[in-house]
Amino acid sequence: MTIERQHGQQCITCDGCDEDLEFFDKDEFSIMVADAKGKGWKIAPDGEGGWDHRCPSCQSDRVSEARKMFGL
C-alpha cells in the first residue's frame, strides 16, 4: 500500500524505496498529493487499477534502468 493511514492521518510512501512524506489529516488528501508533486514526486496510474508513487531518487533510477534495457 502506498498511502499509509494511521490514527486519522495519511502519508504517501514511495513504491521504489519506501520513503515517506509527512502525514496529513485524512481530509487533506488533495493537499497531500499537491505537496508530493511540489517536491518532485510522480504519481501515475500503474496500469492495474492502482497508482504508482515515486520519489525523485527512484524516478532517476527507473530512467537509468530503462536506458540500460534499451541499450541507450
N, C-alpha and C. Protein backbone atom coordinates (compact mmCIF):
# COMPACT_ATOMS: atom_id res chain seq x y z
N MET A 1 0.84 -1.18 0.00
CA MET A 1 0.00 0.00 0.00
C MET A 1 0.88 1.24 0.00
N THR A 2 0.60 2.15 -0.87
CA THR A 2 1.47 3.31 -0.98
C THR A 2 0.93 4.54 -0.27
N ILE A 3 -0.26 4.47 0.25
CA ILE A 3 -0.75 5.53 1.11
C ILE A 3 -0.99 4.90 2.47
N GLU A 4 -0.17 5.31 3.41
CA GLU A 4 -0.24 4.76 4.76
C GLU A 4 -1.23 5.58 5.57
N ARG A 5 -2.09 4.88 6.31
CA ARG A 5 -3.09 5.57 7.14
C ARG A 5 -2.93 5.14 8.60
N GLN A 6 -2.90 6.12 9.49
CA GLN A 6 -2.77 5.86 10.92
C GLN A 6 -3.49 6.94 11.70
N HIS A 7 -4.34 6.55 12.62
CA HIS A 7 -4.95 7.48 13.58
C HIS A 7 -5.54 8.72 12.91
N GLY A 8 -6.27 8.53 11.83
CA GLY A 8 -6.92 9.65 11.15
C GLY A 8 -6.00 10.49 10.28
N GLN A 9 -4.78 10.01 10.07
CA GLN A 9 -3.84 10.71 9.21
C GLN A 9 -3.35 9.78 8.12
N GLN A 10 -2.72 10.35 7.09
CA GLN A 10 -2.24 9.57 5.95
C GLN A 10 -0.97 10.18 5.39
N CYS A 11 -0.16 9.36 4.75
CA CYS A 11 1.03 9.86 4.06
C CYS A 11 1.29 8.99 2.84
N ILE A 12 2.02 9.54 1.89
CA ILE A 12 2.39 8.82 0.68
C ILE A 12 3.74 8.16 0.91
N THR A 13 3.85 6.91 0.48
CA THR A 13 5.10 6.16 0.56
C THR A 13 5.55 5.80 -0.85
N CYS A 14 6.85 5.98 -1.13
CA CYS A 14 7.41 5.66 -2.44
C CYS A 14 7.32 4.16 -2.69
N ASP A 15 6.90 3.78 -3.90
CA ASP A 15 6.83 2.37 -4.27
C ASP A 15 8.20 1.78 -4.59
N GLY A 16 9.20 2.64 -4.74
CA GLY A 16 10.53 2.15 -5.05
C GLY A 16 11.39 1.91 -3.83
N CYS A 17 11.37 2.87 -2.87
CA CYS A 17 12.31 2.78 -1.75
C CYS A 17 11.65 2.89 -0.38
N ASP A 18 10.35 3.02 -0.33
CA ASP A 18 9.59 3.14 0.92
C ASP A 18 9.82 4.45 1.67
N GLU A 19 10.37 5.48 1.00
CA GLU A 19 10.49 6.80 1.64
C GLU A 19 9.09 7.34 1.89
N ASP A 20 8.89 7.95 3.06
CA ASP A 20 7.60 8.55 3.40
C ASP A 20 7.67 10.06 3.35
N LEU A 21 6.55 10.66 2.98
CA LEU A 21 6.38 12.09 3.15
C LEU A 21 5.73 12.32 4.51
N GLU A 22 5.53 13.57 4.87
CA GLU A 22 4.90 13.86 6.15
C GLU A 22 3.44 13.42 6.16
N PHE A 23 2.88 13.25 7.35
CA PHE A 23 1.48 12.87 7.50
C PHE A 23 0.57 14.09 7.38
N PHE A 24 -0.59 13.86 6.76
CA PHE A 24 -1.63 14.88 6.62
C PHE A 24 -2.91 14.32 7.22
N ASP A 25 -3.81 15.22 7.65
CA ASP A 25 -5.11 14.77 8.13
C ASP A 25 -5.87 14.08 7.00
N LYS A 26 -6.78 13.17 7.37
CA LYS A 26 -7.48 12.36 6.36
C LYS A 26 -8.29 13.20 5.38
N ASP A 27 -8.71 14.40 5.78
CA ASP A 27 -9.50 15.24 4.87
C ASP A 27 -8.62 16.18 4.03
N GLU A 28 -7.29 15.97 4.06
CA GLU A 28 -6.37 16.79 3.28
C GLU A 28 -5.68 16.00 2.17
N PHE A 29 -6.41 15.08 1.56
CA PHE A 29 -5.84 14.22 0.53
C PHE A 29 -5.27 15.03 -0.63
N SER A 30 -6.04 15.97 -1.15
CA SER A 30 -5.57 16.76 -2.31
C SER A 30 -4.37 17.63 -1.93
N ILE A 31 -4.32 18.11 -0.70
CA ILE A 31 -3.17 18.89 -0.24
C ILE A 31 -1.94 17.99 -0.16
N MET A 32 -2.12 16.77 0.31
CA MET A 32 -1.02 15.80 0.40
C MET A 32 -0.45 15.50 -0.99
N VAL A 33 -1.32 15.26 -1.96
CA VAL A 33 -0.88 14.96 -3.32
C VAL A 33 -0.16 16.17 -3.93
N ALA A 34 -0.71 17.37 -3.73
CA ALA A 34 -0.08 18.58 -4.25
C ALA A 34 1.30 18.79 -3.62
N ASP A 35 1.43 18.49 -2.32
CA ASP A 35 2.72 18.62 -1.64
C ASP A 35 3.74 17.66 -2.25
N ALA A 36 3.32 16.42 -2.48
CA ALA A 36 4.22 15.42 -3.07
C ALA A 36 4.68 15.87 -4.46
N LYS A 37 3.76 16.29 -5.28
CA LYS A 37 4.11 16.73 -6.64
C LYS A 37 5.01 17.96 -6.59
N GLY A 38 4.77 18.86 -5.64
CA GLY A 38 5.60 20.04 -5.49
C GLY A 38 7.02 19.71 -5.09
N LYS A 39 7.20 18.55 -4.46
CA LYS A 39 8.54 18.10 -4.05
C LYS A 39 9.18 17.19 -5.09
N GLY A 40 8.56 17.09 -6.27
CA GLY A 40 9.15 16.33 -7.37
C GLY A 40 8.72 14.88 -7.48
N TRP A 41 7.77 14.46 -6.69
CA TRP A 41 7.27 13.09 -6.78
C TRP A 41 6.39 12.95 -8.02
N LYS A 42 6.37 11.74 -8.58
CA LYS A 42 5.49 11.42 -9.70
C LYS A 42 4.44 10.43 -9.20
N ILE A 43 3.20 10.74 -9.48
CA ILE A 43 2.07 9.88 -9.12
C ILE A 43 1.32 9.60 -10.41
N ALA A 44 1.25 8.33 -10.79
CA ALA A 44 0.64 7.97 -12.07
C ALA A 44 -0.08 6.64 -11.95
N PRO A 45 -1.07 6.40 -12.81
CA PRO A 45 -1.73 5.09 -12.81
C PRO A 45 -0.71 3.98 -13.07
N ASP A 46 -0.89 2.85 -12.38
CA ASP A 46 0.06 1.74 -12.54
C ASP A 46 -0.34 0.76 -13.63
N GLY A 47 -1.47 1.00 -14.30
CA GLY A 47 -1.92 0.11 -15.37
C GLY A 47 -2.68 -1.10 -14.87
N GLU A 48 -2.84 -1.21 -13.56
CA GLU A 48 -3.55 -2.35 -12.96
C GLU A 48 -4.69 -1.89 -12.06
N GLY A 49 -5.14 -0.66 -12.23
CA GLY A 49 -6.22 -0.13 -11.42
C GLY A 49 -5.77 0.57 -10.15
N GLY A 50 -4.48 0.69 -9.95
CA GLY A 50 -3.95 1.38 -8.77
C GLY A 50 -3.08 2.55 -9.19
N TRP A 51 -2.23 2.99 -8.28
CA TRP A 51 -1.37 4.13 -8.52
C TRP A 51 0.07 3.81 -8.17
N ASP A 52 0.99 4.41 -8.90
CA ASP A 52 2.42 4.27 -8.66
C ASP A 52 2.94 5.60 -8.13
N HIS A 53 3.62 5.55 -6.99
CA HIS A 53 4.16 6.75 -6.33
C HIS A 53 5.67 6.62 -6.31
N ARG A 54 6.37 7.60 -6.90
CA ARG A 54 7.84 7.54 -6.98
C ARG A 54 8.46 8.85 -6.50
N CYS A 55 9.40 8.74 -5.57
CA CYS A 55 10.15 9.91 -5.11
C CYS A 55 11.14 10.29 -6.22
N PRO A 56 11.72 11.49 -6.15
CA PRO A 56 12.66 11.92 -7.19
C PRO A 56 13.84 10.96 -7.39
N SER A 57 14.38 10.40 -6.32
CA SER A 57 15.52 9.47 -6.45
C SER A 57 15.14 8.22 -7.23
N CYS A 58 13.99 7.66 -6.95
CA CYS A 58 13.58 6.43 -7.63
C CYS A 58 13.19 6.69 -9.08
N GLN A 59 12.75 7.89 -9.40
CA GLN A 59 12.46 8.21 -10.79
C GLN A 59 13.74 8.16 -11.61
N SER A 60 14.81 8.70 -11.06
CA SER A 60 16.11 8.69 -11.75
C SER A 60 16.59 7.27 -11.96
N ASP A 61 16.44 6.42 -10.93
CA ASP A 61 16.85 5.03 -11.03
C ASP A 61 16.05 4.30 -12.10
N ARG A 62 14.76 4.58 -12.18
CA ARG A 62 13.90 3.93 -13.16
C ARG A 62 14.28 4.31 -14.58
N VAL A 63 14.61 5.57 -14.80
CA VAL A 63 15.03 6.02 -16.12
C VAL A 63 16.34 5.35 -16.50
N SER A 64 17.27 5.27 -15.55
CA SER A 64 18.55 4.61 -15.81
C SER A 64 18.36 3.15 -16.18
N GLU A 65 17.48 2.46 -15.46
CA GLU A 65 17.20 1.05 -15.77
C GLU A 65 16.62 0.89 -17.16
N ALA A 66 15.69 1.77 -17.54
CA ALA A 66 15.07 1.69 -18.86
C ALA A 66 16.11 1.94 -19.96
N ARG A 67 16.99 2.90 -19.75
CA ARG A 67 18.02 3.18 -20.75
C ARG A 67 18.94 1.97 -20.94
N LYS A 68 19.31 1.33 -19.84
CA LYS A 68 20.17 0.13 -19.94
C LYS A 68 19.46 -0.97 -20.70
N MET A 69 18.17 -1.16 -20.41
CA MET A 69 17.41 -2.22 -21.06
C MET A 69 17.34 -2.01 -22.57
N PHE A 70 17.25 -0.73 -23.00
CA PHE A 70 17.15 -0.43 -24.43
C PHE A 70 18.49 -0.10 -25.06
N GLY A 71 19.57 -0.25 -24.31
CA GLY A 71 20.91 -0.03 -24.83
C GLY A 71 21.22 1.43 -25.12
N LEU A 72 20.64 2.32 -24.38
CA LEU A 72 20.87 3.76 -24.60
C LEU A 72 21.92 4.30 -23.66
